[in-house]
Amino acid sequence: MIGYVTIGAKDSEVSGKFYDAFFGAFGHERKFADGSWIGYGPKSSDSYNVFVCPPFDGKQASFGNGMMIGFNAKTQDEVKAAHKAGIAAGGSDEGAPGFRPPEKTSWYGAYLRDPTGNKLCVFCKP
């Protein structure tokens, strides 16, 4: 149902390095960079549906309290790889990979924040 997502960045270059690592871990890649705009999409496609850029209004980017974007991975290994890659590329941990809630086995996810502070989830349904 979602056509695209725009994620505000304080520094597109720093955020681009984070998202290159994070998205690359589960089958997505940088499709273009034009000035401070960076677009991402599936490696197997010419499409892109995530944009990272400074806000249009010229004010500094900030994360939204309670706002989170969930990205679907195919496997638990992709979830683990994306979480690890994101943290290694300047992100911060918000919840290690695991089943949520812990006693369930139908939803596996990890949480982290990008360099601007935006909260992300990468998950799969094994």
PDB file of N, CA and C in Angstrom:
ATOM      1  N   MET A   1       0.801  -1.183   0.000  1.00  0.00           N
ATOM      2  CA  MET A   1       0.000   0.000   0.000  1.00  0.00           C
ATOM      3  C   MET A   1       0.856   1.264   0.000  1.00  0.00           C
ATOM      4  N   ILE A   2       2.050   1.217   0.568  1.00  0.00           N
ATOM      5  CA  ILE A   2       2.909   2.398   0.610  1.00  0.00           C
ATOM      6  C   ILE A   2       3.654   2.519  -0.715  1.00  0.00           C
ATOM      7  N   GLY A   3       3.588   3.690  -1.338  1.00  0.00           N
ATOM      8  CA  GLY A   3       4.286   3.928  -2.599  1.00  0.00           C
ATOM      9  C   GLY A   3       5.761   4.221  -2.407  1.00  0.00           C
ATOM     10  N   TYR A   4       6.073   5.038  -1.396  1.00  0.00           N
ATOM     11  CA  TYR A   4       7.469   5.333  -1.072  1.00  0.00           C
ATOM     12  C   TYR A   4       7.538   5.929   0.323  1.00  0.00           C
ATOM     13  N   VAL A   5       8.761   5.960   0.853  1.00  0.00           N
ATOM     14  CA  VAL A   5       9.029   6.539   2.162  1.00  0.00           C
ATOM     15  C   VAL A   5      10.178   7.518   1.993  1.00  0.00           C
ATOM     16  N   THR A   6      10.074   8.691   2.596  1.00  0.00           N
ATOM     17  CA  THR A   6      11.161   9.656   2.636  1.00  0.00           C
ATOM     18  C   THR A   6      11.655   9.739   4.080  1.00  0.00           C
ATOM     19  N   ILE A   7      12.962   9.582   4.249  1.00  0.00           N
ATOM     20  CA  ILE A   7      13.570   9.610   5.575  1.00  0.00           C
ATOM     21  C   ILE A   7      14.458  10.846   5.664  1.00  0.00           C
ATOM     22  N   GLY A   8      14.180  11.709   6.624  1.00  0.00           N
ATOM     23  CA  GLY A   8      14.963  12.924   6.795  1.00  0.00           C
ATOM     24  C   GLY A   8      16.372  12.622   7.285  1.00  0.00           C
ATOM     25  N   ALA A   9      17.337  13.345   6.739  1.00  0.00           N
ATOM     26  CA  ALA A   9      18.739  13.150   7.113  1.00  0.00           C
ATOM     27  C   ALA A   9      19.372  14.476   7.491  1.00  0.00           C
ATOM     28  N   LYS A  10      20.111  14.495   8.587  1.00  0.00           N
ATOM     29  CA  LYS A  10      20.883  15.685   8.962  1.00  0.00           C
ATOM     30  C   LYS A  10      22.081  15.838   8.038  1.00  0.00           C
ATOM     31  N   ASP A  11      22.673  14.704   7.651  1.00  0.00           N
ATOM     32  CA  ASP A  11      23.851  14.679   6.786  1.00  0.00           C
ATOM     33  C   ASP A  11      23.665  13.526   5.811  1.00  0.00           C
ATOM     34  N   SER A  12      23.361  13.827   4.555  1.00  0.00           N
ATOM     35  CA  SER A  12      23.071  12.786   3.567  1.00  0.00           C
ATOM     36  C   SER A  12      24.245  11.845   3.343  1.00  0.00           C
ATOM     37  N   GLU A  13      25.459  12.357   3.382  1.00  0.00           N
ATOM     38  CA  GLU A  13      26.624  11.494   3.169  1.00  0.00           C
ATOM     39  C   GLU A  13      26.754  10.468   4.294  1.00  0.00           C
ATOM     40  N   VAL A  14      26.633  10.906   5.538  1.00  0.00           N
ATOM     41  CA  VAL A  14      26.719  10.000   6.684  1.00  0.00           C
ATOM     42  C   VAL A  14      25.545   9.017   6.654  1.00  0.00           C
ATOM     43  N   SER A  15      24.345   9.520   6.426  1.00  0.00           N
ATOM     44  CA  SER A  15      23.176   8.642   6.367  1.00  0.00           C
ATOM     45  C   SER A  15      23.268   7.680   5.189  1.00  0.00           C
ATOM     46  N   GLY A  16      23.810   8.129   4.063  1.00  0.00           N
ATOM     47  CA  GLY A  16      23.971   7.258   2.896  1.00  0.00           C
ATOM     48  C   GLY A  16      24.855   6.060   3.197  1.00  0.00           C
ATOM     49  N   LYS A  17      25.931   6.268   3.935  1.00  0.00           N
ATOM     50  CA  LYS A  17      26.807   5.151   4.305  1.00  0.00           C
ATOM     51  C   LYS A  17      26.056   4.152   5.180  1.00  0.00           C
ATOM     52  N   PHE A  18      25.262   4.662   6.115  1.00  0.00           N
ATOM     53  CA  PHE A  18      24.452   3.794   6.967  1.00  0.00           C
ATOM     54  C   PHE A  18      23.466   2.986   6.124  1.00  0.00           C
ATOM     55  N   TYR A  19      22.695   3.665   5.271  1.00  0.00           N
ATOM     56  CA  TYR A  19      21.669   2.970   4.487  1.00  0.00           C
ATOM     57  C   TYR A  19      22.264   2.055   3.420  1.00  0.00           C
ATOM     58  N   ASP A  20      23.429   2.390   2.870  1.00  0.00           N
ATOM     59  CA  ASP A  20      24.105   1.467   1.948  1.00  0.00           C
ATOM     60  C   ASP A  20      24.349   0.128   2.642  1.00  0.00           C
ATOM     61  N   ALA A  21      24.866   0.183   3.876  1.00  0.00           N
ATOM     62  CA  ALA A  21      25.166  -1.045   4.631  1.00  0.00           C
ATOM     63  C   ALA A  21      23.883  -1.748   5.063  1.00  0.00           C
ATOM     64  N   PHE A  22      22.952  -1.005   5.639  1.00  0.00           N
ATOM     65  CA  PHE A  22      21.706  -1.570   6.160  1.00  0.00           C
ATOM     66  C   PHE A  22      20.901  -2.240   5.053  1.00  0.00           C
ATOM     67  N   PHE A  23      20.602  -1.511   3.987  1.00  0.00           N
ATOM     68  CA  PHE A  23      19.801  -2.077   2.893  1.00  0.00           C
ATOM     69  C   PHE A  23      20.557  -3.165   2.136  1.00  0.00           C
ATOM     70  N   GLY A  24      21.857  -3.007   1.960  1.00  0.00           N
ATOM     71  CA  GLY A  24      22.654  -4.004   1.254  1.00  0.00           C
ATOM     72  C   GLY A  24      22.612  -5.361   1.919  1.00  0.00           C
ATOM     73  N   ALA A  25      22.402  -5.390   3.223  1.00  0.00           N
ATOM     74  CA  ALA A  25      22.379  -6.646   3.972  1.00  0.00           C
ATOM     75  C   ALA A  25      21.144  -7.491   3.669  1.00  0.00           C
ATOM     76  N   PHE A  26      20.102  -6.884   3.080  1.00  0.00           N
ATOM     77  CA  PHE A  26      18.927  -7.694   2.772  1.00  0.00           C
ATOM     78  C   PHE A  26      18.354  -7.415   1.377  1.00  0.00           C
ATOM     79  N   GLY A  27      19.275  -7.262   0.407  1.00  0.00           N
ATOM     80  CA  GLY A  27      18.868  -7.287  -0.995  1.00  0.00           C
ATOM     81  C   GLY A  27      18.467  -5.983  -1.645  1.00  0.00           C
ATOM     82  N   HIS A  28      18.825  -4.853  -1.049  1.00  0.00           N
ATOM     83  CA  HIS A  28      18.486  -3.556  -1.636  1.00  0.00           C
ATOM     84  C   HIS A  28      19.772  -2.756  -1.830  1.00  0.00           C
ATOM     85  N   GLU A  29      19.707  -1.752  -2.683  1.00  0.00           N
ATOM     86  CA  GLU A  29      20.910  -0.987  -2.982  1.00  0.00           C
ATOM     87  C   GLU A  29      20.580   0.460  -3.310  1.00  0.00           C
ATOM     88  N   ARG A  30      21.635   1.266  -3.306  1.00  0.00           N
ATOM     89  CA  ARG A  30      21.512   2.670  -3.718  1.00  0.00           C
ATOM     90  C   ARG A  30      21.267   2.687  -5.222  1.00  0.00           C
ATOM     91  N   LYS A  31      20.194   3.340  -5.621  1.00  0.00           N
ATOM     92  CA  LYS A  31      19.852   3.434  -7.047  1.00  0.00           C
ATOM     93  C   LYS A  31      20.343   4.736  -7.659  1.00  0.00           C
ATOM     94  N   PHE A  32      20.406   5.782  -6.853  1.00  0.00           N
ATOM     95  CA  PHE A  32      20.930   7.053  -7.347  1.00  0.00           C
ATOM     96  C   PHE A  32      21.289   7.960  -6.185  1.00  0.00           C
ATOM     97  N   ALA A  33      22.130   8.918  -6.469  1.00  0.00           N
ATOM     98  CA  ALA A  33      22.442  10.004  -5.545  1.00  0.00           C
ATOM     99  C   ALA A  33      22.500  11.267  -6.393  1.00  0.00           C
ATOM    100  N   ASP A  34      21.709  12.258  -6.020  1.00  0.00           N
ATOM    101  CA  ASP A  34      21.632  13.502  -6.773  1.00  0.00           C
ATOM    102  C   ASP A  34      21.647  14.645  -5.766  1.00  0.00           C
ATOM    103  N   GLY A  35      22.807  15.257  -5.600  1.00  0.00           N
ATOM    104  CA  GLY A  35      22.942  16.285  -4.572  1.00  0.00           C
ATOM    105  C   GLY A  35      22.791  15.633  -3.210  1.00  0.00           C
ATOM    106  N   SER A  36      21.834  16.095  -2.436  1.00  0.00           N
ATOM    107  CA  SER A  36      21.624  15.535  -1.103  1.00  0.00           C
ATOM    108  C   SER A  36      20.538  14.453  -1.088  1.00  0.00           C
ATOM    109  N   TRP A  37      20.020  14.087  -2.260  1.00  0.00           N
ATOM    110  CA  TRP A  37      18.999  13.039  -2.375  1.00  0.00           C
ATOM    111  C   TRP A  37      19.651  11.706  -2.694  1.00  0.00           C
ATOM    112  N   ILE A  38      19.220  10.650  -1.993  1.00  0.00           N
ATOM    113  CA  ILE A  38      19.675   9.292  -2.272  1.00  0.00           C
ATOM    114  C   ILE A  38      18.433   8.416  -2.361  1.00  0.00           C
ATOM    115  N   GLY A  39      18.369   7.571  -3.410  1.00  0.00           N
ATOM    116  CA  GLY A  39      17.235   6.669  -3.584  1.00  0.00           C
ATOM    117  C   GLY A  39      17.672   5.218  -3.486  1.00  0.00           C
ATOM    118  N   TYR A  40      16.844   4.382  -2.858  1.00  0.00           N
ATOM    119  CA  TYR A  40      17.136   2.960  -2.657  1.00  0.00           C
ATOM    120  C   TYR A  40      15.990   2.102  -3.164  1.00  0.00           C
ATOM    121  N   GLY A  41      16.357   0.891  -3.615  1.00  0.00           N
ATOM    122  CA  GLY A  41      15.356  -0.071  -4.049  1.00  0.00           C
ATOM    123  C   GLY A  41      15.948  -1.457  -4.153  1.00  0.00           C
ATOM    124  N   PRO A  42      15.130  -2.442  -4.538  1.00  0.00           N
ATOM    125  CA  PRO A  42      15.600  -3.820  -4.646  1.00  0.00           C
ATOM    126  C   PRO A  42      16.704  -3.969  -5.701  1.00  0.00           C
ATOM    127  N   LYS A  43      17.699  -4.822  -5.394  1.00  0.00           N
ATOM    128  CA  LYS A  43      18.800  -5.054  -6.334  1.00  0.00           C
ATOM    129  C   LYS A  43      18.303  -5.613  -7.656  1.00  0.00           C
ATOM    130  N   SER A  44      17.237  -6.383  -7.628  1.00  0.00           N
ATOM    131  CA  SER A  44      16.741  -7.053  -8.827  1.00  0.00           C
ATOM    132  C   SER A  44      15.772  -6.197  -9.636  1.00  0.00           C
ATOM    133  N   SER A  45      15.723  -4.899  -9.378  1.00  0.00           N
ATOM    134  CA  SER A  45      14.722  -4.043 -10.009  1.00  0.00           C
ATOM    135  C   SER A  45      15.301  -2.667 -10.324  1.00  0.00           C
ATOM    136  N   ASP A  46      14.656  -1.980 -11.250  1.00  0.00           N
ATOM    137  CA  ASP A  46      15.014  -0.596 -11.545  1.00  0.00           C
ATOM    138  C   ASP A  46      14.223   0.380 -10.680  1.00  0.00           C
ATOM    139  N   SER A  47      13.328  -0.130  -9.858  1.00  0.00           N
ATOM    140  CA  SER A  47      12.494   0.744  -9.042  1.00  0.00           C
ATOM    141  C   SER A  47      13.194   1.123  -7.738  1.00  0.00           C
ATOM    142  N   TYR A  48      12.714   2.189  -7.152  1.00  0.00           N
ATOM    143  CA  TYR A  48      13.197   2.627  -5.847  1.00  0.00           C
ATOM    144  C   TYR A  48      12.007   3.173  -5.084  1.00  0.00           C
ATOM    145  N   ASN A  49      12.016   2.942  -3.774  1.00  0.00           N
ATOM    146  CA  ASN A  49      10.878   3.377  -2.978  1.00  0.00           C
ATOM    147  C   ASN A  49      11.254   3.942  -1.615  1.00  0.00           C
ATOM    148  N   VAL A  50      12.545   4.153  -1.383  1.00  0.00           N
ATOM    149  CA  VAL A  50      12.980   4.829  -0.166  1.00  0.00           C
ATOM    150  C   VAL A  50      13.933   5.948  -0.566  1.00  0.00           C
ATOM    151  N   PHE A  51      13.654   7.145  -0.065  1.00  0.00           N
ATOM    152  CA  PHE A  51      14.496   8.302  -0.339  1.00  0.00           C
ATOM    153  C   PHE A  51      15.056   8.819   0.984  1.00  0.00           C
ATOM    154  N   VAL A  52      16.333   9.191   0.978  1.00  0.00           N
ATOM    155  CA  VAL A  52      16.987   9.773   2.139  1.00  0.00           C
ATOM    156  C   VAL A  52      17.451  11.160   1.716  1.00  0.00           C
ATOM    157  N   CYS A  53      17.027  12.194   2.454  1.00  0.00           N
ATOM    158  CA  CYS A  53      17.357  13.567   2.053  1.00  0.00           C
ATOM    159  C   CYS A  53      17.047  14.530   3.193  1.00  0.00           C
ATOM    160  N   PRO A  54      17.575  15.748   3.110  1.00  0.00           N
ATOM    161  CA  PRO A  54      17.198  16.767   4.098  1.00  0.00           C
ATOM    162  C   PRO A  54      15.726  17.155   3.901  1.00  0.00           C
ATOM    163  N   PRO A  55      15.071  17.665   4.937  1.00  0.00           N
ATOM    164  CA  PRO A  55      13.679  18.093   4.811  1.00  0.00           C
ATOM    165  C   PRO A  55      13.511  19.220   3.780  1.00  0.00           C
ATOM    166  N   PHE A  56      12.365  19.225   3.118  1.00  0.00           N
ATOM    167  CA  PHE A  56      12.066  20.244   2.107  1.00  0.00           C
ATOM    168  C   PHE A  56      12.016  21.653   2.680  1.00  0.00           C
ATOM    169  N   ASP A  57      11.594  21.786   3.941  1.00  0.00           N
ATOM    170  CA  ASP A  57      11.407  23.115   4.509  1.00  0.00           C
ATOM    171  C   ASP A  57      12.708  23.803   4.917  1.00  0.00           C
ATOM    172  N   GLY A  58      13.841  23.109   4.721  1.00  0.00           N
ATOM    173  CA  GLY A  58      15.133  23.707   5.038  1.00  0.00           C
ATOM    174  C   GLY A  58      15.516  23.638   6.509  1.00  0.00           C
ATOM    175  N   LYS A  59      14.597  23.172   7.351  1.00  0.00           N
ATOM    176  CA  LYS A  59      14.912  23.029   8.771  1.00  0.00           C
ATOM    177  C   LYS A  59      15.684  21.729   8.980  1.00  0.00           C
ATOM    178  N   GLN A  60      16.338  21.618  10.133  1.00  0.00           N
ATOM    179  CA  GLN A  60      17.130  20.436  10.431  1.00  0.00           C
ATOM    180  C   GLN A  60      16.251  19.204  10.591  1.00  0.00           C
ATOM    181  N   ALA A  61      16.709  18.085  10.053  1.00  0.00           N
ATOM    182  CA  ALA A  61      15.989  16.821  10.205  1.00  0.00           C
ATOM    183  C   ALA A  61      16.011  16.372  11.649  1.00  0.00           C
ATOM    184  N   SER A  62      14.917  15.776  12.079  1.00  0.00           N
ATOM    185  CA  SER A  62      14.841  15.173  13.406  1.00  0.00           C
ATOM    186  C   SER A  62      13.937  13.953  13.312  1.00  0.00           C
ATOM    187  N   PHE A  63      14.134  13.027  14.213  1.00  0.00           N
ATOM    188  CA  PHE A  63      13.302  11.834  14.206  1.00  0.00           C
ATOM    189  C   PHE A  63      11.971  12.133  14.875  1.00  0.00           C
ATOM    190  N   GLY A  64      10.955  11.378  14.520  1.00  0.00           N
ATOM    191  CA  GLY A  64       9.642  11.539  15.122  1.00  0.00           C
ATOM    192  C   GLY A  64       9.460  10.586  16.284  1.00  0.00           C
ATOM    193  N   ASN A  65       9.101  11.104  17.436  1.00  0.00           N
ATOM    194  CA  ASN A  65       8.877  10.259  18.597  1.00  0.00           C
ATOM    195  C   ASN A  65       7.676   9.358  18.330  1.00  0.00           C
ATOM    196  N   GLY A  66       7.884   8.056  18.383  1.00  0.00           N
ATOM    197  CA  GLY A  66       6.823   7.098  18.101  1.00  0.00           C
ATOM    198  C   GLY A  66       6.778   6.654  16.654  1.00  0.00           C
ATOM    199  N   MET A  67       7.508   7.311  15.765  1.00  0.00           N
ATOM    200  CA  MET A  67       7.548   6.954  14.358  1.00  0.00           C
ATOM    201  C   MET A  67       8.596   5.868  14.159  1.00  0.00           C
ATOM    202  N   MET A  68       8.240   4.833  13.388  1.00  0.00           N
ATOM    203  CA  MET A  68       9.183   3.766  13.073  1.00  0.00           C
ATOM    204  C   MET A  68       8.818   3.231  11.704  1.00  0.00           C
ATOM    205  N   ILE A  69       9.840   2.868  10.933  1.00  0.00           N
ATOM    206  CA  ILE A  69       9.625   2.267   9.624  1.00  0.00           C
ATOM    207  C   ILE A  69      10.110   0.824   9.698  1.00  0.00           C
ATOM    208  N   GLY A  70       9.272  -0.105   9.276  1.00  0.00           N
ATOM    209  CA  GLY A  70       9.631  -1.521   9.260  1.00  0.00           C
ATOM    210  C   GLY A  70       9.965  -1.971   7.854  1.00  0.00           C
ATOM    211  N   PHE A  71      11.103  -2.633   7.708  1.00  0.00           N
ATOM    212  CA  PHE A  71      11.545  -3.152   6.416  1.00  0.00           C
ATOM    213  C   PHE A  71      11.533  -4.674   6.456  1.00  0.00           C
ATOM    214  N   ASN A  72      10.925  -5.280   5.437  1.00  0.00           N
ATOM    215  CA  ASN A  72      10.761  -6.721   5.378  1.00  0.00           C
ATOM    216  C   ASN A  72      11.997  -7.389   4.792  1.00  0.00           C
ATOM    217  N   ALA A  73      12.534  -8.347   5.524  1.00  0.00           N
ATOM    218  CA  ALA A  73      13.637  -9.183   5.049  1.00  0.00           C
ATOM    219  C   ALA A  73      13.071 -10.571   4.748  1.00  0.00           C
ATOM    220  N   LYS A  74      13.845 -11.398   4.066  1.00  0.00           N
ATOM    221  CA  LYS A  74      13.372 -12.732   3.711  1.00  0.00           C
ATOM    222  C   LYS A  74      13.672 -13.767   4.788  1.00  0.00           C
ATOM    223  N   THR A  75      14.789 -13.604   5.498  1.00  0.00           N
ATOM    224  CA  THR A  75      15.232 -14.628   6.443  1.00  0.00           C
ATOM    225  C   THR A  75      15.731 -14.005   7.743  1.00  0.00           C
ATOM    226  N   GLN A  76      15.867 -14.846   8.757  1.00  0.00           N
ATOM    227  CA  GLN A  76      16.447 -14.399  10.020  1.00  0.00           C
ATOM    228  C   GLN A  76      17.898 -13.959   9.822  1.00  0.00           C
ATOM    229  N   ASP A  77      18.627 -14.636   8.940  1.00  0.00           N
ATOM    230  CA  ASP A  77      20.014 -14.240   8.676  1.00  0.00           C
ATOM    231  C   ASP A  77      20.082 -12.845   8.072  1.00  0.00           C
ATOM    232  N   GLU A  78      19.129 -12.491   7.205  1.00  0.00           N
ATOM    233  CA  GLU A  78      19.101 -11.133   6.653  1.00  0.00           C
ATOM    234  C   GLU A  78      18.796 -10.110   7.745  1.00  0.00           C
ATOM    235  N   VAL A  79      17.900 -10.443   8.655  1.00  0.00           N
ATOM    236  CA  VAL A  79      17.592  -9.548   9.780  1.00  0.00           C
ATOM    237  C   VAL A  79      18.864  -9.303  10.598  1.00  0.00           C
ATOM    238  N   LYS A  80      19.555 -10.379  10.932  1.00  0.00           N
ATOM    239  CA  LYS A  80      20.791 -10.255  11.717  1.00  0.00           C
ATOM    240  C   LYS A  80      21.840  -9.435  10.971  1.00  0.00           C
ATOM    241  N   ALA A  81      21.988  -9.698   9.670  1.00  0.00           N
ATOM    242  CA  ALA A  81      22.992  -8.990   8.872  1.00  0.00           C
ATOM    243  C   ALA A  81      22.682  -7.501   8.765  1.00  0.00           C
ATOM    244  N   ALA A  82      21.418  -7.150   8.567  1.00  0.00           N
ATOM    245  CA  ALA A  82      21.033  -5.738   8.452  1.00  0.00           C
ATOM    246  C   ALA A  82      21.257  -5.006   9.771  1.00  0.00           C
ATOM    247  N   HIS A  83      20.898  -5.633  10.875  1.00  0.00           N
ATOM    248  CA  HIS A  83      21.095  -5.032  12.191  1.00  0.00           C
ATOM    249  C   HIS A  83      22.586  -4.795  12.437  1.00  0.00           C
ATOM    250  N   LYS A  84      23.388  -5.806  12.187  1.00  0.00           N
ATOM    251  CA  LYS A  84      24.838  -5.708  12.396  1.00  0.00           C
ATOM    252  C   LYS A  84      25.463  -4.658  11.478  1.00  0.00           C
ATOM    253  N   ALA A  85      25.079  -4.673  10.198  1.00  0.00           N
ATOM    254  CA  ALA A  85      25.632  -3.715   9.234  1.00  0.00           C
ATOM    255  C   ALA A  85      25.243  -2.286   9.581  1.00  0.00           C
ATOM    256  N   GLY A  86      23.995  -2.091   9.994  1.00  0.00           N
ATOM    257  CA  GLY A  86      23.542  -0.752  10.364  1.00  0.00           C
ATOM    258  C   GLY A  86      24.294  -0.192  11.558  1.00  0.00           C
ATOM    259  N   ILE A  87      24.512  -1.010  12.558  1.00  0.00           N
ATOM    260  CA  ILE A  87      25.253  -0.555  13.739  1.00  0.00           C
ATOM    261  C   ILE A  87      26.712  -0.285  13.377  1.00  0.00           C
ATOM    262  N   ALA A  88      27.309  -1.149  12.558  1.00  0.00           N
ATOM    263  CA  ALA A  88      28.706  -0.950  12.148  1.00  0.00           C
ATOM    264  C   ALA A  88      28.865   0.314  11.302  1.00  0.00           C
ATOM    265  N   ALA A  89      27.786   0.749  10.645  1.00  0.00           N
ATOM    266  CA  ALA A  89      27.841   1.927   9.780  1.00  0.00           C
ATOM    267  C   ALA A  89      27.334   3.187  10.468  1.00  0.00           C
ATOM    268  N   GLY A  90      27.325   3.201  11.795  1.00  0.00           N
ATOM    269  CA  GLY A  90      26.989   4.428  12.512  1.00  0.00           C
ATOM    270  C   GLY A  90      25.628   4.457  13.166  1.00  0.00           C
ATOM    271  N   GLY A  91      24.859   3.384  13.062  1.00  0.00           N
ATOM    272  CA  GLY A  91      23.564   3.329  13.725  1.00  0.00           C
ATOM    273  C   GLY A  91      23.711   2.931  15.185  1.00  0.00           C
ATOM    274  N   SER A  92      22.594   2.919  15.899  1.00  0.00           N
ATOM    275  CA  SER A  92      22.617   2.502  17.297  1.00  0.00           C
ATOM    276  C   SER A  92      21.545   1.441  17.540  1.00  0.00           C
ATOM    277  N   ASP A  93      21.847   0.530  18.436  1.00  0.00           N
ATOM    278  CA  ASP A  93      20.974  -0.597  18.745  1.00  0.00           C
ATOM    279  C   ASP A  93      19.747  -0.150  19.521  1.00  0.00           C
ATOM    280  N   GLU A  94      18.596  -0.664  19.116  1.00  0.00           N
ATOM    281  CA  GLU A  94      17.343  -0.427  19.840  1.00  0.00           C
ATOM    282  C   GLU A  94      16.657  -1.740  20.186  1.00  0.00           C
ATOM    283  N   GLY A  95      17.295  -2.863  19.866  1.00  0.00           N
ATOM    284  CA  GLY A  95      16.716  -4.173  20.160  1.00  0.00           C
ATOM    285  C   GLY A  95      17.349  -5.235  19.290  1.00  0.00           C
ATOM    286  N   ALA A  96      18.080  -6.139  19.899  1.00  0.00           N
ATOM    287  CA  ALA A  96      18.810  -7.178  19.167  1.00  0.00           C
ATOM    288  C   ALA A  96      17.850  -8.097  18.401  1.00  0.00           C
ATOM    289  N   PRO A  97      18.349  -8.750  17.356  1.00  0.00           N
ATOM    290  CA  PRO A  97      17.512  -9.689  16.609  1.00  0.00           C
ATOM    291  C   PRO A  97      16.938 -10.780  17.516  1.00  0.00           C
ATOM    292  N   GLY A  98      15.676 -11.079  17.303  1.00  0.00           N
ATOM    293  CA  GLY A  98      15.028 -12.126  18.074  1.00  0.00           C
ATOM    294  C   GLY A  98      13.544 -12.180  17.788  1.00  0.00           C
ATOM    295  N   PHE A  99      12.895 -13.202  18.343  1.00  0.00           N
ATOM    296  CA  PHE A  99      11.453 -13.336  18.180  1.00  0.00           C
ATOM    297  C   PHE A  99      10.745 -12.336  19.068  1.00  0.00           C
ATOM    298  N   ARG A 100       9.661 -11.768  18.576  1.00  0.00           N
ATOM    299  CA  ARG A 100       8.857 -10.804  19.327  1.00  0.00           C
ATOM    300  C   ARG A 100       7.420 -11.273  19.322  1.00  0.00           C
ATOM    301  N   PRO A 101       6.721 -11.361  20.408  1.00  0.00           N
ATOM    302  CA  PRO A 101       7.334 -11.452  21.730  1.00  0.00           C
ATOM    303  C   PRO A 101       8.193 -12.701  21.822  1.00  0.00           C
ATOM    304  N   PRO A 102       9.085 -12.765  22.826  1.00  0.00           N
ATOM    305  CA  PRO A 102      10.083 -13.834  22.875  1.00  0.00           C
ATOM    306  C   PRO A 102       9.524 -15.252  22.826  1.00  0.00           C
ATOM    307  N   GLU A 103       8.321 -15.470  23.336  1.00  0.00           N
ATOM    308  CA  GLU A 103       7.791 -16.830  23.356  1.00  0.00           C
ATOM    309  C   GLU A 103       7.138 -17.233  22.024  1.00  0.00           C
ATOM    310  N   LYS A 104       7.027 -16.326  21.085  1.00  0.00           N
ATOM    311  CA  LYS A 104       6.413 -16.610  19.781  1.00  0.00           C
ATOM    312  C   LYS A 104       7.474 -17.028  18.773  1.00  0.00           C
ATOM    313  N   THR A 105       7.044 -17.628  17.669  1.00  0.00           N
ATOM    314  CA  THR A 105       7.983 -18.036  16.612  1.00  0.00           C
ATOM    315  C   THR A 105       7.523 -17.562  15.237  1.00  0.00           C
ATOM    316  N   SER A 106       6.539 -16.673  15.191  1.00  0.00           N
ATOM    317  CA  SER A 106       5.999 -16.250  13.898  1.00  0.00           C
ATOM    318  C   SER A 106       6.481 -14.873  13.443  1.00  0.00           C
ATOM    319  N   TRP A 107       7.234 -14.161  14.281  1.00  0.00           N
ATOM    320  CA  TRP A 107       7.703 -12.816  13.913  1.00  0.00           C
ATOM    321  C   TRP A 107       9.085 -12.614  14.506  1.00  0.00           C
ATOM    322  N   TYR A 108      10.067 -12.348  13.632  1.00  0.00           N
ATOM    323  CA  TYR A 108      11.468 -12.213  14.042  1.00  0.00           C
ATOM    324  C   TYR A 108      11.954 -10.845  13.589  1.00  0.00           C
ATOM    325  N   GLY A 109      12.452 -10.027  14.511  1.00  0.00           N
ATOM    326  CA  GLY A 109      12.857  -8.686  14.130  1.00  0.00           C
ATOM    327  C   GLY A 109      13.994  -8.129  14.949  1.00  0.00           C
ATOM    328  N   ALA A 110      14.528  -7.006  14.482  1.00  0.00           N
ATOM    329  CA  ALA A 110      15.578  -6.263  15.175  1.00  0.00           C
ATOM    330  C   ALA A 110      15.294  -4.778  14.996  1.00  0.00           C
ATOM    331  N   TYR A 111      15.746  -3.980  15.947  1.00  0.00           N
ATOM    332  CA  TYR A 111      15.491  -2.546  15.947  1.00  0.00           C
ATOM    333  C   TYR A 111      16.798  -1.769  16.051  1.00  0.00           C
ATOM    334  N   LEU A 112      16.851  -0.638  15.338  1.00  0.00           N
ATOM    335  CA  LEU A 112      18.010   0.233  15.411  1.00  0.00           C
ATOM    336  C   LEU A 112      17.622   1.637  14.997  1.00  0.00           C
ATOM    337  N   ARG A 113      18.535   2.565  15.230  1.00  0.00           N
ATOM    338  CA  ARG A 113      18.339   3.953  14.806  1.00  0.00           C
ATOM    339  C   ARG A 113      19.438   4.318  13.825  1.00  0.00           C
ATOM    340  N   ASP A 114      19.065   5.126  12.836  1.00  0.00           N
ATOM    341  CA  ASP A 114      20.058   5.609  11.871  1.00  0.00           C
ATOM    342  C   ASP A 114      20.832   6.770  12.492  1.00  0.00           C
ATOM    343  N   PRO A 115      21.833   7.334  11.791  1.00  0.00           N
ATOM    344  CA  PRO A 115      22.630   8.419  12.375  1.00  0.00           C
ATOM    345  C   PRO A 115      21.834   9.677  12.745  1.00  0.00           C
ATOM    346  N   THR A 116      20.668   9.889  12.121  1.00  0.00           N
ATOM    347  CA  THR A 116      19.839  11.041  12.461  1.00  0.00           C
ATOM    348  C   THR A 116      18.960  10.755  13.672  1.00  0.00           C
ATOM    349  N   GLY A 117      18.751   9.481  13.996  1.00  0.00           N
ATOM    350  CA  GLY A 117      17.914   9.092  15.125  1.00  0.00           C
ATOM    351  C   GLY A 117      16.604   8.449  14.716  1.00  0.00           C
ATOM    352  N   ASN A 118      16.353   8.284  13.406  1.00  0.00           N
ATOM    353  CA  ASN A 118      15.136   7.632  12.941  1.00  0.00           C
ATOM    354  C   ASN A 118      15.132   6.172  13.371  1.00  0.00           C
ATOM    355  N   LYS A 119      14.003   5.708  13.918  1.00  0.00           N
ATOM    356  CA  LYS A 119      13.909   4.324  14.380  1.00  0.00           C
ATOM    357  C   LYS A 119      13.458   3.425  13.239  1.00  0.00           C
ATOM    358  N   LEU A 120      14.182   2.315  13.080  1.00  0.00           N
ATOM    359  CA  LEU A 120      13.919   1.349  12.025  1.00  0.00           C
ATOM    360  C   LEU A 120      13.744  -0.037  12.612  1.00  0.00           C
ATOM    361  N   CYS A 121      12.995  -0.848  11.911  1.00  0.00           N
ATOM    362  CA  CYS A 121      12.871  -2.259  12.234  1.00  0.00           C
ATOM    363  C   CYS A 121      13.151  -3.031  10.953  1.00  0.00           C
ATOM    364  N   VAL A 122      13.850  -4.139  11.063  1.00  0.00           N
ATOM    365  CA  VAL A 122      13.988  -5.080   9.954  1.00  0.00           C
ATOM    366  C   VAL A 122      13.459  -6.405  10.504  1.00  0.00           C
ATOM    367  N   PHE A 123      12.554  -7.049   9.746  1.00  0.00           N
ATOM    368  CA  PHE A 123      11.879  -8.218  10.275  1.00  0.00           C
ATOM    369  C   PHE A 123      11.585  -9.236   9.177  1.00  0.00           C
ATOM    370  N   CYS A 124      11.266 -10.452   9.623  1.00  0.00           N
ATOM    371  CA  CYS A 124      10.776 -11.478   8.715  1.00  0.00           C
ATOM    372  C   CYS A 124       9.753 -12.303   9.477  1.00  0.00           C
ATOM    373  N   LYS A 125       8.983 -13.069   8.736  1.00  0.00           N
ATOM    374  CA  LYS A 125       7.999 -13.981   9.327  1.00  0.00           C
ATOM    375  C   LYS A 125       8.400 -15.387   8.903  1.00  0.00           C
ATOM    376  N   PRO A 126       9.228 -16.044   9.739  1.00  0.00           N
ATOM    377  CA  PRO A 126       9.737 -17.373   9.363  1.00  0.00           C
ATOM    378  C   PRO A 126       8.635 -18.412   9.218  1.00  0.00           C
TER     379      PRO A 126
END
